[in-house]
Structures are given as C-alpha cells and as structure tokens.
Amino acid sequence: MAYNLLKGKKGIIFGALNDMSIAWKVAEKAHEEGAQFVLTNTPMALRLGDTDKLAEATGSLIVPADATSIPDLENVFTKTLEHFDGKIDFILHSIGMSPNVRKKIPYDSVSYENYLKTMDISAISFHKVIQTAKKFDAMNEWGSIVALSYVAAQRTLFEYNDMADAKAALESIARSFGYIYGREKHIRINTVSQSPTLTTAGSGVKGIGGLMDFTERMSPLGNATADECADYCLTLFSDLTRKVTMQNLFNDGGFSSMGMSARAMEMYNKSLDCRDCHDHPDNYRIDK
C-alpha cells in the first residue's frame, strides 16, 4: 500500500544489483511512493546484475560509477543534476565488500591490501559520496542520506571479519558529516543497522545461515527482511523524519537490545542435552 511519502522527491540509489539487494527493494518502494531516482553501481556489477530491468520498471536513468572513484562520483552527480534539472532529496549508500571475507581469510591473518580495499569500498566511499554531493551543492534543504550498516560495528560477531571495522567507520562518518552538513544545509545523515539478510553480499559471509537462525531466535520480533528494511529507509527519506540525524538506527527485530532469549536458550540447552556430560570434564566446555 503506497502513501505518497516521496511524491515529488528525487534521489540517487547506490548498489542495486538484483532483486535480492536491499537497494533494489528501496528503489521499488521509492518508485511506488512517487520518487524518481538515478541508479548507479560499478560497471562490472551492472554487467553481471539485473539493474537494467529495475531501471526499465521504474523509469530510471543508470549511471555507471565506482563509488571509490571521485571522478566517477562527480560524473554521477553531474548527470543526475542535469537529468532532473535541479537538486535531489535523498541518497542511499548500499555498498559493502570485503576481499578478506570473500577469500575466507581470518581476521587475525588479514591481508592488509585487502583490508584497505574493504575500508575504501565499504566505508570511505560513503565519505566520498557525501563530500561530492556537498561540493556540487546537490541536495535540497532537509534532504536525507542513508547508509546500510550492521550491529557488528558495536559487537563482535564470529567471522564478520574486517567488515565490522568498516561498519564502525561508516557510522562514524555519518555522525561527523551529519553535523557539518546538517549545520550548513539542514541535510540529515543516518545509518540503518539491518538484521542479517540473504543478499548477494550477505550470502558471502561464512555461516550466514546459522547466523540468521540465531538472530531469528534472539529477536523478539524476528529478523527484519529486505522489504522491511526498505520501508524503514523510505521513512528516513520522507519529511516525517526531518529532525532525525547522526543516528545509527536498528532495524533488527530487537536483536541489538537482547542478551539471551527463551528460544535461543532452548536450542542451547538441547545441544547440551545431546552430550554425554559424564565422560569427561571437557564436555562442559561451551567452546567445543
């Protein structure tokens, strides 16, 4: 059901690859709510993905860009401002990738070359996007910029690896730039910390199935889906949240506030019951 939340608004959506992408869901729902937008992703992602189908369905322009490249970003903003003959109202940064995660290199043995790529792609690109938007004076007053984060920015999650460092930096950028851009242009900048979601990128995280089962058991409302994350992002693009800025906002069914749930404890107790706890004291160890 559409509410015309974004009627007349224009924006840029980074990172829509296929219909598993949160950015794809945001684009579909933004279109339903009356928004117009430019879609952008790396040239390789555009070749491998289905972004052209999304562009056709939403009547959107596609501008290829590597978000780590300032010249590419300048081209995106130049073409977007020309396309709309004016400024924009929202930006979605849905970009993240870790070569160390993809290559299953553990955190204590990371390749630093890969580490720098992780930070540049997953965090510093956010700074570059905002800096370029500000340089081009591309945003209307009370515009909104949103990036997708994860609770691993605050907590250690097994094998999330250097992406956790990138998410922590991402959230810091939102706060630091949120102050400057808010003070000068009334632009709000927030991050949304989403439940683990089976996107193309999320599928590359080792043990994602077990993680999603755990967070589902821990969260009183269950995991938030990609569609539900998109709904949340749309509220942040709308005029209903004009004074919300510099926040990391959890869209995770309550997981981030939990310590232990009944459903998770039940599963843990079942695993203990399956052991023969009388054979050896080591059977009591919870790290086995």
C-alpha atoms as a PDB file:
ATOM      1  CA  MET A   1       0.000   0.000   0.000  1.00  0.00           C
ATOM      2  CA  ALA A   2       1.500   3.331  -1.100  1.00  0.00           C
ATOM      3  CA  TYR A   3       1.212   6.527   0.948  1.00  0.00           C
ATOM      4  CA  ASN A   4       2.830   9.034  -1.468  1.00  0.00           C
ATOM      5  CA  LEU A   5       5.572   9.532   1.138  1.00  0.00           C
ATOM      6  CA  LEU A   6       8.111  10.538  -1.509  1.00  0.00           C
ATOM      7  CA  LYS A   7       5.890  12.264  -4.051  1.00  0.00           C
ATOM      8  CA  GLY A   8       7.964  14.781  -5.988  1.00  0.00           C
ATOM      9  CA  LYS A   9      11.262  13.706  -4.407  1.00  0.00           C
ATOM     10  CA  LYS A  10      14.348  12.807  -6.417  1.00  0.00           C
ATOM     11  CA  GLY A  11      17.426  10.852  -5.442  1.00  0.00           C
ATOM     12  CA  ILE A  12      20.329   8.550  -6.175  1.00  0.00           C
ATOM     13  CA  ILE A  13      20.418   4.885  -5.194  1.00  0.00           C
ATOM     14  CA  PHE A  14      23.823   3.203  -4.998  1.00  0.00           C
ATOM     15  CA  GLY A  15      24.107  -0.584  -5.020  1.00  0.00           C
ATOM     16  CA  ALA A  16      21.017  -2.156  -6.603  1.00  0.00           C
ATOM     17  CA  LEU A  17      22.359  -5.377  -8.152  1.00  0.00           C
ATOM     18  CA  ASN A  18      19.412  -7.791  -8.338  1.00  0.00           C
ATOM     19  CA  ASP A  19      16.108  -8.454  -6.622  1.00  0.00           C
ATOM     20  CA  MET A  20      17.951  -9.828  -3.569  1.00  0.00           C
ATOM     21  CA  SER A  21      19.516  -6.399  -2.942  1.00  0.00           C
ATOM     22  CA  ILE A  22      18.147  -4.130  -0.242  1.00  0.00           C
ATOM     23  CA  ALA A  23      18.883  -1.224  -2.600  1.00  0.00           C
ATOM     24  CA  TRP A  24      16.666  -2.909  -5.200  1.00  0.00           C
ATOM     25  CA  LYS A  25      13.805  -3.137  -2.688  1.00  0.00           C
ATOM     26  CA  VAL A  26      14.327   0.509  -1.722  1.00  0.00           C
ATOM     27  CA  ALA A  27      14.155   1.503  -5.390  1.00  0.00           C
ATOM     28  CA  GLU A  28      10.936  -0.434  -5.999  1.00  0.00           C
ATOM     29  CA  LYS A  29       9.247   1.015  -2.931  1.00  0.00           C
ATOM     30  CA  ALA A  30      10.536   4.545  -3.546  1.00  0.00           C
ATOM     31  CA  HIS A  31       9.041   4.334  -7.037  1.00  0.00           C
ATOM     32  CA  GLU A  32       5.718   3.207  -5.551  1.00  0.00           C
ATOM     33  CA  GLU A  33       5.824   6.173  -3.173  1.00  0.00           C
ATOM     34  CA  GLY A  34       6.244   8.659  -6.023  1.00  0.00           C
ATOM     35  CA  ALA A  35      10.009   9.205  -6.105  1.00  0.00           C
ATOM     36  CA  GLN A  36      12.269   9.474  -9.124  1.00  0.00           C
ATOM     37  CA  PHE A  37      15.903   8.432  -8.917  1.00  0.00           C
ATOM     38  CA  VAL A  38      19.120   7.600 -10.694  1.00  0.00           C
ATOM     39  CA  LEU A  39      20.547   4.099 -10.237  1.00  0.00           C
ATOM     40  CA  THR A  40      24.293   3.585 -10.028  1.00  0.00           C
ATOM     41  CA  ASN A  41      26.685   0.711  -9.496  1.00  0.00           C
ATOM     42  CA  THR A  42      30.098  -0.359 -10.728  1.00  0.00           C
ATOM     43  CA  PRO A  43      30.374  -1.186 -14.436  1.00  0.00           C
ATOM     44  CA  MET A  44      31.092  -4.822 -13.566  1.00  0.00           C
ATOM     45  CA  ALA A  45      28.064  -5.051 -11.258  1.00  0.00           C
ATOM     46  CA  LEU A  46      25.888  -3.548 -13.987  1.00  0.00           C
ATOM     47  CA  ARG A  47      27.119  -6.199 -16.422  1.00  0.00           C
ATOM     48  CA  LEU A  48      26.569  -9.075 -14.001  1.00  0.00           C
ATOM     49  CA  GLY A  49      23.360  -7.857 -12.367  1.00  0.00           C
ATOM     50  CA  ASP A  50      19.838  -7.002 -13.466  1.00  0.00           C
ATOM     51  CA  THR A  51      19.874  -3.257 -12.851  1.00  0.00           C
ATOM     52  CA  ASP A  52      18.660  -2.547 -16.381  1.00  0.00           C
ATOM     53  CA  LYS A  53      15.402  -4.378 -15.592  1.00  0.00           C
ATOM     54  CA  LEU A  54      14.916  -2.264 -12.466  1.00  0.00           C
ATOM     55  CA  ALA A  55      15.632   0.900 -14.431  1.00  0.00           C
ATOM     56  CA  GLU A  56      13.050  -0.064 -17.044  1.00  0.00           C
ATOM     57  CA  ALA A  57      10.425  -0.865 -14.395  1.00  0.00           C
ATOM     58  CA  THR A  58      10.972   2.420 -12.551  1.00  0.00           C
ATOM     59  CA  GLY A  59      11.764   4.706 -15.484  1.00  0.00           C
ATOM     60  CA  SER A  60      15.208   5.437 -14.072  1.00  0.00           C
ATOM     61  CA  LEU A  61      18.490   6.576 -15.555  1.00  0.00           C
ATOM     62  CA  ILE A  62      21.536   4.353 -14.947  1.00  0.00           C
ATOM     63  CA  VAL A  63      24.944   5.980 -14.478  1.00  0.00           C
ATOM     64  CA  PRO A  64      27.861   3.544 -14.009  1.00  0.00           C
ATOM     65  CA  ALA A  65      30.256   4.506 -11.231  1.00  0.00           C
ATOM     66  CA  ASP A  66      32.856   3.076  -8.898  1.00  0.00           C
ATOM     67  CA  ALA A  67      31.947   4.775  -5.617  1.00  0.00           C
ATOM     68  CA  THR A  68      35.607   4.759  -4.559  1.00  0.00           C
ATOM     69  CA  SER A  69      36.462   6.986  -7.543  1.00  0.00           C
ATOM     70  CA  ILE A  70      35.951  10.744  -7.140  1.00  0.00           C
ATOM     71  CA  PRO A  71      35.827  11.339 -10.939  1.00  0.00           C
ATOM     72  CA  ASP A  72      33.147   8.647 -11.259  1.00  0.00           C
ATOM     73  CA  LEU A  73      31.126  10.181  -8.432  1.00  0.00           C
ATOM     74  CA  GLU A  74      31.454  13.645  -9.935  1.00  0.00           C
ATOM     75  CA  ASN A  75      30.081  12.220 -13.168  1.00  0.00           C
ATOM     76  CA  VAL A  76      27.139  10.647 -11.311  1.00  0.00           C
ATOM     77  CA  PHE A  77      26.195  13.939  -9.668  1.00  0.00           C
ATOM     78  CA  THR A  78      26.719  15.957 -12.854  1.00  0.00           C
ATOM     79  CA  LYS A  79      24.463  13.661 -14.880  1.00  0.00           C
ATOM     80  CA  THR A  80      21.896  13.385 -12.087  1.00  0.00           C
ATOM     81  CA  LEU A  81      21.556  17.158 -11.702  1.00  0.00           C
ATOM     82  CA  GLU A  82      21.269  17.502 -15.491  1.00  0.00           C
ATOM     83  CA  HIS A  83      18.731  14.670 -15.680  1.00  0.00           C
ATOM     84  CA  PHE A  84      16.468  16.210 -13.049  1.00  0.00           C
ATOM     85  CA  ASP A  85      17.297  19.799 -13.986  1.00  0.00           C
ATOM     86  CA  GLY A  86      17.747  20.523 -10.304  1.00  0.00           C
ATOM     87  CA  LYS A  87      18.780  19.220  -6.924  1.00  0.00           C
ATOM     88  CA  ILE A  88      17.964  15.900  -5.265  1.00  0.00           C
ATOM     89  CA  ASP A  89      16.348  14.979  -1.953  1.00  0.00           C
ATOM     90  CA  PHE A  90      17.825  11.627  -0.950  1.00  0.00           C
ATOM     91  CA  ILE A  91      20.773   9.278  -1.377  1.00  0.00           C
ATOM     92  CA  LEU A  92      21.026   5.598  -0.453  1.00  0.00           C
ATOM     93  CA  HIS A  93      24.508   4.137   0.081  1.00  0.00           C
ATOM     94  CA  SER A  94      24.126   0.351  -0.077  1.00  0.00           C
ATOM     95  CA  ILE A  95      27.726  -0.641  -0.754  1.00  0.00           C
ATOM     96  CA  GLY A  96      29.906  -3.168   1.030  1.00  0.00           C
ATOM     97  CA  MET A  97      32.503  -5.748   0.133  1.00  0.00           C
ATOM     98  CA  SER A  98      35.463  -7.403   1.843  1.00  0.00           C
ATOM     99  CA  PRO A  99      38.058  -9.339  -0.170  1.00  0.00           C
ATOM    100  CA  ASN A 100      39.190 -10.937   3.107  1.00  0.00           C
ATOM    101  CA  VAL A 101      35.675 -12.257   3.753  1.00  0.00           C
ATOM    102  CA  ARG A 102      35.324 -13.477   0.175  1.00  0.00           C
ATOM    103  CA  LYS A 103      38.637 -15.300   0.394  1.00  0.00           C
ATOM    104  CA  LYS A 104      37.807 -16.610   3.895  1.00  0.00           C
ATOM    105  CA  ILE A 105      40.948 -15.079   5.399  1.00  0.00           C
ATOM    106  CA  PRO A 106      40.526 -14.892   9.205  1.00  0.00           C
ATOM    107  CA  TYR A 107      40.664 -11.525  10.966  1.00  0.00           C
ATOM    108  CA  ASP A 108      43.974 -12.208  12.709  1.00  0.00           C
ATOM    109  CA  SER A 109      45.605 -13.039   9.365  1.00  0.00           C
ATOM    110  CA  VAL A 110      44.018 -10.475   7.059  1.00  0.00           C
ATOM    111  CA  SER A 111      45.791  -9.215   4.008  1.00  0.00           C
ATOM    112  CA  TYR A 112      46.290  -5.501   4.631  1.00  0.00           C
ATOM    113  CA  GLU A 113      45.957  -4.805   0.925  1.00  0.00           C
ATOM    114  CA  ASN A 114      42.524  -6.423   1.128  1.00  0.00           C
ATOM    115  CA  TYR A 115      41.797  -4.598   4.384  1.00  0.00           C
ATOM    116  CA  LEU A 116      42.347  -1.227   2.747  1.00  0.00           C
ATOM    117  CA  LYS A 117      40.031  -2.228  -0.087  1.00  0.00           C
ATOM    118  CA  THR A 118      37.382  -3.239   2.429  1.00  0.00           C
ATOM    119  CA  MET A 119      37.581   0.146   4.128  1.00  0.00           C
ATOM    120  CA  ASP A 120      37.623   2.101   0.874  1.00  0.00           C
ATOM    121  CA  ILE A 121      34.666   0.266  -0.660  1.00  0.00           C
ATOM    122  CA  SER A 122      32.527  -0.209   2.442  1.00  0.00           C
ATOM    123  CA  ALA A 123      33.160   2.982   4.435  1.00  0.00           C
ATOM    124  CA  ILE A 124      35.345   5.636   2.822  1.00  0.00           C
ATOM    125  CA  SER A 125      33.135   5.531  -0.287  1.00  0.00           C
ATOM    126  CA  PHE A 126      30.356   6.893   1.942  1.00  0.00           C
ATOM    127  CA  HIS A 127      32.538   9.874   2.840  1.00  0.00           C
ATOM    128  CA  LYS A 128      33.359  10.368  -0.844  1.00  0.00           C
ATOM    129  CA  VAL A 129      29.688  10.284  -1.841  1.00  0.00           C
ATOM    130  CA  ILE A 130      28.719  12.866   0.778  1.00  0.00           C
ATOM    131  CA  GLN A 131      31.738  15.069   0.077  1.00  0.00           C
ATOM    132  CA  THR A 132      30.932  15.076  -3.639  1.00  0.00           C
ATOM    133  CA  ALA A 133      27.254  15.828  -3.003  1.00  0.00           C
ATOM    134  CA  LYS A 134      28.293  18.775  -0.832  1.00  0.00           C
ATOM    135  CA  LYS A 135      30.854  20.000  -3.346  1.00  0.00           C
ATOM    136  CA  PHE A 136      28.189  20.027  -6.080  1.00  0.00           C
ATOM    137  CA  ASP A 137      25.584  21.518  -3.731  1.00  0.00           C
ATOM    138  CA  ALA A 138      23.426  18.663  -4.992  1.00  0.00           C
ATOM    139  CA  MET A 139      20.962  18.310  -2.102  1.00  0.00           C
ATOM    140  CA  ASN A 140      17.818  20.270  -1.375  1.00  0.00           C
ATOM    141  CA  GLU A 141      17.464  21.537   2.195  1.00  0.00           C
ATOM    142  CA  TRP A 142      16.119  18.866   4.564  1.00  0.00           C
ATOM    143  CA  GLY A 143      17.392  16.186   2.240  1.00  0.00           C
ATOM    144  CA  SER A 144      18.319  12.756   3.610  1.00  0.00           C
ATOM    145  CA  ILE A 145      21.317  10.473   3.175  1.00  0.00           C
ATOM    146  CA  VAL A 146      21.159   6.872   4.444  1.00  0.00           C
ATOM    147  CA  ALA A 147      23.772   4.104   4.517  1.00  0.00           C
ATOM    148  CA  LEU A 148      23.262   0.478   5.482  1.00  0.00           C
ATOM    149  CA  SER A 149      25.211  -0.765   8.492  1.00  0.00           C
ATOM    150  CA  TYR A 150      25.243  -3.783  10.827  1.00  0.00           C
ATOM    151  CA  VAL A 151      25.411  -4.460  14.576  1.00  0.00           C
ATOM    152  CA  ALA A 152      28.953  -5.825  14.136  1.00  0.00           C
ATOM    153  CA  ALA A 153      30.022  -2.173  14.291  1.00  0.00           C
ATOM    154  CA  GLN A 154      29.327  -2.370  18.051  1.00  0.00           C
ATOM    155  CA  ARG A 155      29.626  -6.070  18.822  1.00  0.00           C
ATOM    156  CA  THR A 156      31.974  -8.846  17.819  1.00  0.00           C
ATOM    157  CA  LEU A 157      30.326 -11.385  15.538  1.00  0.00           C
ATOM    158  CA  PHE A 158      32.157 -14.549  14.594  1.00  0.00           C
ATOM    159  CA  GLU A 159      33.800 -14.298  11.160  1.00  0.00           C
ATOM    160  CA  TYR A 160      32.270 -10.959  10.189  1.00  0.00           C
ATOM    161  CA  ASN A 161      35.916 -10.014   9.932  1.00  0.00           C
ATOM    162  CA  ASP A 162      37.151  -6.611   8.763  1.00  0.00           C
ATOM    163  CA  MET A 163      33.658  -5.668   7.619  1.00  0.00           C
ATOM    164  CA  ALA A 164      32.979  -4.903  11.293  1.00  0.00           C
ATOM    165  CA  ASP A 165      35.714  -2.263  11.239  1.00  0.00           C
ATOM    166  CA  ALA A 166      34.278  -0.826   8.036  1.00  0.00           C
ATOM    167  CA  LYS A 167      30.774  -0.587   9.525  1.00  0.00           C
ATOM    168  CA  ALA A 168      32.144   1.179  12.603  1.00  0.00           C
ATOM    169  CA  ALA A 169      33.858   3.712  10.345  1.00  0.00           C
ATOM    170  CA  LEU A 170      30.697   4.078   8.263  1.00  0.00           C
ATOM    171  CA  GLU A 171      28.674   5.039  11.338  1.00  0.00           C
ATOM    172  CA  SER A 172      31.336   7.494  12.466  1.00  0.00           C
ATOM    173  CA  ILE A 173      31.281   9.173   9.051  1.00  0.00           C
ATOM    174  CA  ALA A 174      27.507   9.578   9.343  1.00  0.00           C
ATOM    175  CA  ARG A 175      27.917  11.355  12.678  1.00  0.00           C
ATOM    176  CA  SER A 176      30.843  13.556  11.663  1.00  0.00           C
ATOM    177  CA  PHE A 177      29.436  14.588   8.300  1.00  0.00           C
ATOM    178  CA  GLY A 178      25.927  14.717   9.749  1.00  0.00           C
ATOM    179  CA  TYR A 179      26.994  17.569  12.000  1.00  0.00           C
ATOM    180  CA  ILE A 180      28.671  19.551   9.231  1.00  0.00           C
ATOM    181  CA  TYR A 181      26.054  19.014   6.517  1.00  0.00           C
ATOM    182  CA  GLY A 182      23.220  19.462   8.975  1.00  0.00           C
ATOM    183  CA  ARG A 183      24.602  22.706  10.353  1.00  0.00           C
ATOM    184  CA  GLU A 184      25.266  24.180   6.927  1.00  0.00           C
ATOM    185  CA  LYS A 185      22.448  22.797   4.751  1.00  0.00           C
ATOM    186  CA  HIS A 186      19.960  21.015   7.042  1.00  0.00           C
ATOM    187  CA  ILE A 187      20.896  17.700   5.422  1.00  0.00           C
ATOM    188  CA  ARG A 188      20.330  14.693   7.694  1.00  0.00           C
ATOM    189  CA  ILE A 189      22.602  11.652   7.591  1.00  0.00           C
ATOM    190  CA  ASN A 190      21.808   8.323   9.258  1.00  0.00           C
ATOM    191  CA  THR A 191      22.762   4.676   9.108  1.00  0.00           C
ATOM    192  CA  VAL A 192      20.360   1.744   9.343  1.00  0.00           C
ATOM    193  CA  SER A 193      21.650  -1.338  11.142  1.00  0.00           C
ATOM    194  CA  GLN A 194      19.762  -4.162   9.478  1.00  0.00           C
ATOM    195  CA  SER A 195      19.233  -7.784  10.501  1.00  0.00           C
ATOM    196  CA  PRO A 196      21.461 -10.271   8.650  1.00  0.00           C
ATOM    197  CA  THR A 197      19.853 -10.507   5.227  1.00  0.00           C
ATOM    198  CA  LEU A 198      20.380 -13.014   2.439  1.00  0.00           C
ATOM    199  CA  THR A 199      21.522 -10.529  -0.187  1.00  0.00           C
ATOM    200  CA  THR A 200      24.193 -11.402  -2.746  1.00  0.00           C
ATOM    201  CA  ALA A 201      26.831  -9.813  -0.475  1.00  0.00           C
ATOM    202  CA  GLY A 202      25.351 -11.339   2.689  1.00  0.00           C
ATOM    203  CA  SER A 203      25.460 -14.799   1.142  1.00  0.00           C
ATOM    204  CA  GLY A 204      29.255 -14.494   1.005  1.00  0.00           C
ATOM    205  CA  VAL A 205      29.574 -14.316   4.788  1.00  0.00           C
ATOM    206  CA  LYS A 206      30.604 -17.710   6.135  1.00  0.00           C
ATOM    207  CA  GLY A 207      27.910 -19.272   8.309  1.00  0.00           C
ATOM    208  CA  ILE A 208      25.199 -16.792   7.255  1.00  0.00           C
ATOM    209  CA  GLY A 209      22.508 -19.475   7.614  1.00  0.00           C
ATOM    210  CA  GLY A 210      23.448 -20.215  11.218  1.00  0.00           C
ATOM    211  CA  LEU A 211      23.725 -16.508  11.993  1.00  0.00           C
ATOM    212  CA  MET A 212      20.267 -15.810  10.610  1.00  0.00           C
ATOM    213  CA  ASP A 213      18.820 -18.695  12.631  1.00  0.00           C
ATOM    214  CA  PHE A 214      20.482 -17.383  15.795  1.00  0.00           C
ATOM    215  CA  THR A 215      19.305 -13.791  15.336  1.00  0.00           C
ATOM    216  CA  GLU A 216      15.794 -15.020  14.487  1.00  0.00           C
ATOM    217  CA  ARG A 217      15.706 -16.904  17.808  1.00  0.00           C
ATOM    218  CA  MET A 218      17.177 -13.960  19.704  1.00  0.00           C
ATOM    219  CA  SER A 219      14.963 -11.211  18.269  1.00  0.00           C
ATOM    220  CA  PRO A 220      11.526 -10.825  19.887  1.00  0.00           C
ATOM    221  CA  LEU A 221      10.081  -9.666  16.547  1.00  0.00           C
ATOM    222  CA  GLY A 222      12.255 -11.912  14.387  1.00  0.00           C
ATOM    223  CA  ASN A 223      14.671 -10.814  11.683  1.00  0.00           C
ATOM    224  CA  ALA A 224      13.756  -7.815   9.549  1.00  0.00           C
ATOM    225  CA  THR A 225      13.506  -8.679   5.859  1.00  0.00           C
ATOM    226  CA  ALA A 226      14.963  -6.700   2.961  1.00  0.00           C
ATOM    227  CA  ASP A 227      11.469  -5.377   2.214  1.00  0.00           C
ATOM    228  CA  GLU A 228      11.078  -4.206   5.809  1.00  0.00           C
ATOM    229  CA  CYS A 229      14.470  -2.500   5.688  1.00  0.00           C
ATOM    230  CA  ALA A 230      13.362  -0.705   2.533  1.00  0.00           C
ATOM    231  CA  ASP A 231      10.216   0.502   4.293  1.00  0.00           C
ATOM    232  CA  TYR A 232      12.342   1.917   7.101  1.00  0.00           C
ATOM    233  CA  CYS A 233      14.693   3.667   4.683  1.00  0.00           C
ATOM    234  CA  LEU A 234      11.729   5.317   2.977  1.00  0.00           C
ATOM    235  CA  THR A 235      10.581   6.853   6.251  1.00  0.00           C
ATOM    236  CA  LEU A 236      14.066   8.359   6.602  1.00  0.00           C
ATOM    237  CA  PHE A 237      13.843   9.830   3.103  1.00  0.00           C
ATOM    238  CA  SER A 238      10.423  11.297   3.859  1.00  0.00           C
ATOM    239  CA  ASP A 239       9.522  14.567   5.562  1.00  0.00           C
ATOM    240  CA  LEU A 240       8.272  12.624   8.583  1.00  0.00           C
ATOM    241  CA  THR A 241      11.831  12.361   9.963  1.00  0.00           C
ATOM    242  CA  ARG A 242      13.144  15.868   9.311  1.00  0.00           C
ATOM    243  CA  LYS A 243      14.862  16.143  12.699  1.00  0.00           C
ATOM    244  CA  VAL A 244      16.418  12.657  12.780  1.00  0.00           C
ATOM    245  CA  THR A 245      20.126  12.822  12.013  1.00  0.00           C
ATOM    246  CA  MET A 246      23.543  11.441  13.045  1.00  0.00           C
ATOM    247  CA  GLN A 247      21.849   8.263  14.289  1.00  0.00           C
ATOM    248  CA  ASN A 248      22.530   4.584  13.838  1.00  0.00           C
ATOM    249  CA  LEU A 249      19.014   3.150  13.751  1.00  0.00           C
ATOM    250  CA  PHE A 250      18.466  -0.551  14.405  1.00  0.00           C
ATOM    251  CA  ASN A 251      16.007  -2.377  12.161  1.00  0.00           C
ATOM    252  CA  ASP A 252      16.653  -5.822  13.592  1.00  0.00           C
ATOM    253  CA  GLY A 253      13.556  -7.043  15.415  1.00  0.00           C
ATOM    254  CA  GLY A 254      15.071  -6.080  18.769  1.00  0.00           C
ATOM    255  CA  PHE A 255      18.229  -8.195  18.450  1.00  0.00           C
ATOM    256  CA  SER A 256      20.541  -5.305  19.362  1.00  0.00           C
ATOM    257  CA  SER A 257      18.890  -4.938  22.792  1.00  0.00           C
ATOM    258  CA  MET A 258      18.903  -8.630  23.687  1.00  0.00           C
ATOM    259  CA  GLY A 259      21.247 -10.654  25.881  1.00  0.00           C
ATOM    260  CA  MET A 260      19.560 -14.069  25.793  1.00  0.00           C
ATOM    261  CA  SER A 261      16.116 -15.168  24.650  1.00  0.00           C
ATOM    262  CA  ALA A 262      13.997 -18.173  25.627  1.00  0.00           C
ATOM    263  CA  ARG A 263      14.152 -19.576  22.078  1.00  0.00           C
ATOM    264  CA  ALA A 264      17.932 -19.300  21.891  1.00  0.00           C
ATOM    265  CA  MET A 265      18.349 -20.789  25.369  1.00  0.00           C
ATOM    266  CA  GLU A 266      16.076 -23.687  24.454  1.00  0.00           C
ATOM    267  CA  MET A 267      18.250 -24.530  21.451  1.00  0.00           C
ATOM    268  CA  TYR A 268      21.421 -24.177  23.536  1.00  0.00           C
ATOM    269  CA  ASN A 269      20.034 -26.487  26.226  1.00  0.00           C
ATOM    270  CA  LYS A 270      19.086 -29.062  23.610  1.00  0.00           C
ATOM    271  CA  SER A 271      22.654 -29.106  22.338  1.00  0.00           C
ATOM    272  CA  LEU A 272      23.907 -29.646  25.894  1.00  0.00           C
ATOM    273  CA  ASP A 273      21.416 -32.455  26.469  1.00  0.00           C
ATOM    274  CA  CYS A 274      22.777 -34.265  23.423  1.00  0.00           C
ATOM    275  CA  ARG A 275      26.194 -34.663  25.042  1.00  0.00           C
ATOM    276  CA  ASP A 276      27.278 -37.385  27.400  1.00  0.00           C
ATOM    277  CA  CYS A 277      28.360 -34.953  30.098  1.00  0.00           C
ATOM    278  CA  HIS A 278      29.733 -37.700  32.380  1.00  0.00           C
ATOM    279  CA  ASP A 279      32.527 -38.945  30.139  1.00  0.00           C
ATOM    280  CA  HIS A 280      34.964 -36.109  30.506  1.00  0.00           C
ATOM    281  CA  PRO A 281      35.106 -32.646  32.128  1.00  0.00           C
ATOM    282  CA  ASP A 282      35.845 -31.107  28.718  1.00  0.00           C
ATOM    283  CA  ASN A 283      32.275 -31.880  27.721  1.00  0.00           C
ATOM    284  CA  TYR A 284      31.221 -28.956  29.894  1.00  0.00           C
ATOM    285  CA  ARG A 285      33.193 -26.508  27.773  1.00  0.00           C
ATOM    286  CA  ILE A 286      30.944 -24.216  25.732  1.00  0.00           C
ATOM    287  CA  ASP A 287      33.631 -23.505  23.125  1.00  0.00           C
ATOM    288  CA  LYS A 288      33.663 -27.022  21.782  1.00  0.00           C
END
